[in-house]
Amino acid sequence: MLSEADIILSTTVSLPENRTPRCRELLGAALALTDDLLKQEKVTPASLLGSKGGSATSQRHGSEHYRQMAAARKTHSGGRPRKESE
């Protein structure tokens, strides 16, 4: 979109008060910035956080916690208890 705007500005009649060259200068800077951002390493914040892999939780609860969770999944007994009917 930025390159198309630059092409449009280069083919139209010049704007008053030296606006066309300034617009083209700003578009060139924007193009350079976007190219630089695209070339940088693509690491998402979620992937950086994912590298922890629950280490804080395992320190807090211990391995027994994960054994109980796995057992509850196998017997479908996880979650809240059912409401008692009156």
C-alpha atoms as a PDB file:
ATOM      1  CA  MET A   1       0.000   0.000   0.000  1.00  0.00           C
ATOM      2  CA  LEU A   2       2.857   2.348   0.787  1.00  0.00           C
ATOM      3  CA  SER A   3       4.571   1.693  -2.528  1.00  0.00           C
ATOM      4  CA  GLU A   4       1.297   2.247  -4.382  1.00  0.00           C
ATOM      5  CA  ALA A   5       0.819   5.578  -2.598  1.00  0.00           C
ATOM      6  CA  ASP A   6       4.369   6.536  -3.594  1.00  0.00           C
ATOM      7  CA  ILE A   7       3.622   5.694  -7.240  1.00  0.00           C
ATOM      8  CA  ILE A   8       0.397   7.707  -7.155  1.00  0.00           C
ATOM      9  CA  LEU A   9       2.224  10.724  -5.728  1.00  0.00           C
ATOM     10  CA  SER A  10       4.958  10.473  -8.327  1.00  0.00           C
ATOM     11  CA  THR A  11       2.459  10.491 -11.214  1.00  0.00           C
ATOM     12  CA  THR A  12       0.098  13.245 -10.029  1.00  0.00           C
ATOM     13  CA  VAL A  13       0.334  17.004 -10.256  1.00  0.00           C
ATOM     14  CA  SER A  14       2.502  18.575  -7.558  1.00  0.00           C
ATOM     15  CA  LEU A  15       0.673  19.849  -4.511  1.00  0.00           C
ATOM     16  CA  PRO A  16       1.163  23.447  -3.353  1.00  0.00           C
ATOM     17  CA  GLU A  17       3.570  24.460  -0.560  1.00  0.00           C
ATOM     18  CA  ASN A  18       6.095  21.697  -1.370  1.00  0.00           C
ATOM     19  CA  ARG A  19       3.775  18.982  -0.028  1.00  0.00           C
ATOM     20  CA  THR A  20       4.423  16.346  -2.693  1.00  0.00           C
ATOM     21  CA  PRO A  21       8.172  16.002  -2.061  1.00  0.00           C
ATOM     22  CA  ARG A  22       7.580  15.880   1.701  1.00  0.00           C
ATOM     23  CA  CYS A  23       4.918  13.175   1.285  1.00  0.00           C
ATOM     24  CA  ARG A  24       7.278  11.132  -0.893  1.00  0.00           C
ATOM     25  CA  GLU A  25      10.042  11.564   1.675  1.00  0.00           C
ATOM     26  CA  LEU A  26       7.783  10.332   4.472  1.00  0.00           C
ATOM     27  CA  LEU A  27       6.570   7.415   2.371  1.00  0.00           C
ATOM     28  CA  GLY A  28      10.172   6.451   1.632  1.00  0.00           C
ATOM     29  CA  ALA A  29      10.951   6.437   5.346  1.00  0.00           C
ATOM     30  CA  ALA A  30       7.832   4.362   6.050  1.00  0.00           C
ATOM     31  CA  LEU A  31       8.831   1.873   3.343  1.00  0.00           C
ATOM     32  CA  ALA A  32      12.321   1.560   4.811  1.00  0.00           C
ATOM     33  CA  LEU A  33      10.923   0.986   8.308  1.00  0.00           C
ATOM     34  CA  THR A  34       8.453  -1.668   7.189  1.00  0.00           C
ATOM     35  CA  ASP A  35      11.130  -3.473   5.162  1.00  0.00           C
ATOM     36  CA  ASP A  36      13.388  -3.482   8.201  1.00  0.00           C
ATOM     37  CA  LEU A  37      10.616  -4.797  10.459  1.00  0.00           C
ATOM     38  CA  LEU A  38       9.815  -7.577   8.005  1.00  0.00           C
ATOM     39  CA  LYS A  39      13.454  -8.647   7.839  1.00  0.00           C
ATOM     40  CA  GLN A  40      13.807  -8.894  11.596  1.00  0.00           C
ATOM     41  CA  GLU A  41      13.476 -12.243  13.314  1.00  0.00           C
ATOM     42  CA  LYS A  42       9.868 -13.316  13.612  1.00  0.00           C
ATOM     43  CA  VAL A  43       9.521 -14.365  17.253  1.00  0.00           C
ATOM     44  CA  THR A  44       6.140 -13.845  18.822  1.00  0.00           C
ATOM     45  CA  PRO A  45       5.795 -12.976  22.511  1.00  0.00           C
ATOM     46  CA  ALA A  46       3.719 -16.127  23.004  1.00  0.00           C
ATOM     47  CA  SER A  47       6.526 -18.329  21.744  1.00  0.00           C
ATOM     48  CA  LEU A  48       8.954 -16.662  24.132  1.00  0.00           C
ATOM     49  CA  LEU A  49       6.610 -17.298  27.048  1.00  0.00           C
ATOM     50  CA  GLY A  50       5.932 -20.829  25.853  1.00  0.00           C
ATOM     51  CA  SER A  51       9.553 -21.735  26.377  1.00  0.00           C
ATOM     52  CA  LYS A  52       8.973 -21.661  30.125  1.00  0.00           C
ATOM     53  CA  GLY A  53       6.700 -24.669  29.716  1.00  0.00           C
ATOM     54  CA  GLY A  54       5.001 -24.558  33.124  1.00  0.00           C
ATOM     55  CA  SER A  55       8.235 -24.577  35.098  1.00  0.00           C
ATOM     56  CA  ALA A  56       6.850 -22.164  37.694  1.00  0.00           C
ATOM     57  CA  THR A  57       3.716 -24.282  38.128  1.00  0.00           C
ATOM     58  CA  SER A  58       5.741 -27.457  38.510  1.00  0.00           C
ATOM     59  CA  GLN A  59       7.895 -25.844  41.184  1.00  0.00           C
ATOM     60  CA  ARG A  60       4.820 -24.605  43.020  1.00  0.00           C
ATOM     61  CA  HIS A  61       2.723 -27.804  42.924  1.00  0.00           C
ATOM     62  CA  GLY A  62       5.178 -30.631  42.328  1.00  0.00           C
ATOM     63  CA  SER A  63       4.900 -33.723  40.173  1.00  0.00           C
ATOM     64  CA  GLU A  64       2.002 -35.169  42.191  1.00  0.00           C
ATOM     65  CA  HIS A  65      -0.227 -32.338  40.968  1.00  0.00           C
ATOM     66  CA  TYR A  66       0.303 -33.397  37.344  1.00  0.00           C
ATOM     67  CA  ARG A  67      -0.332 -37.052  38.173  1.00  0.00           C
ATOM     68  CA  GLN A  68      -3.681 -36.138  39.739  1.00  0.00           C
ATOM     69  CA  MET A  69      -4.624 -33.995  36.746  1.00  0.00           C
ATOM     70  CA  ALA A  70      -3.814 -36.821  34.318  1.00  0.00           C
ATOM     71  CA  ALA A  71      -5.827 -39.300  36.395  1.00  0.00           C
ATOM     72  CA  ALA A  72      -8.807 -36.934  36.455  1.00  0.00           C
ATOM     73  CA  ARG A  73      -8.681 -36.598  32.668  1.00  0.00           C
ATOM     74  CA  LYS A  74      -8.620 -40.348  32.192  1.00  0.00           C
ATOM     75  CA  THR A  75     -11.701 -40.894  34.359  1.00  0.00           C
ATOM     76  CA  HIS A  76     -13.469 -37.702  33.209  1.00  0.00           C
ATOM     77  CA  SER A  77     -13.700 -36.579  36.804  1.00  0.00           C
ATOM     78  CA  GLY A  78     -12.213 -33.123  36.470  1.00  0.00           C
ATOM     79  CA  GLY A  79     -14.018 -29.847  36.952  1.00  0.00           C
ATOM     80  CA  ARG A  80     -16.530 -28.681  39.496  1.00  0.00           C
ATOM     81  CA  PRO A  81     -18.756 -31.085  41.371  1.00  0.00           C
ATOM     82  CA  ARG A  82     -22.335 -31.342  40.179  1.00  0.00           C
ATOM     83  CA  LYS A  83     -24.957 -29.250  41.969  1.00  0.00           C
ATOM     84  CA  GLU A  84     -27.045 -31.056  44.525  1.00  0.00           C
ATOM     85  CA  SER A  85     -30.727 -31.037  43.582  1.00  0.00           C
ATOM     86  CA  GLU A  86     -33.099 -29.992  46.360  1.00  0.00           C
END
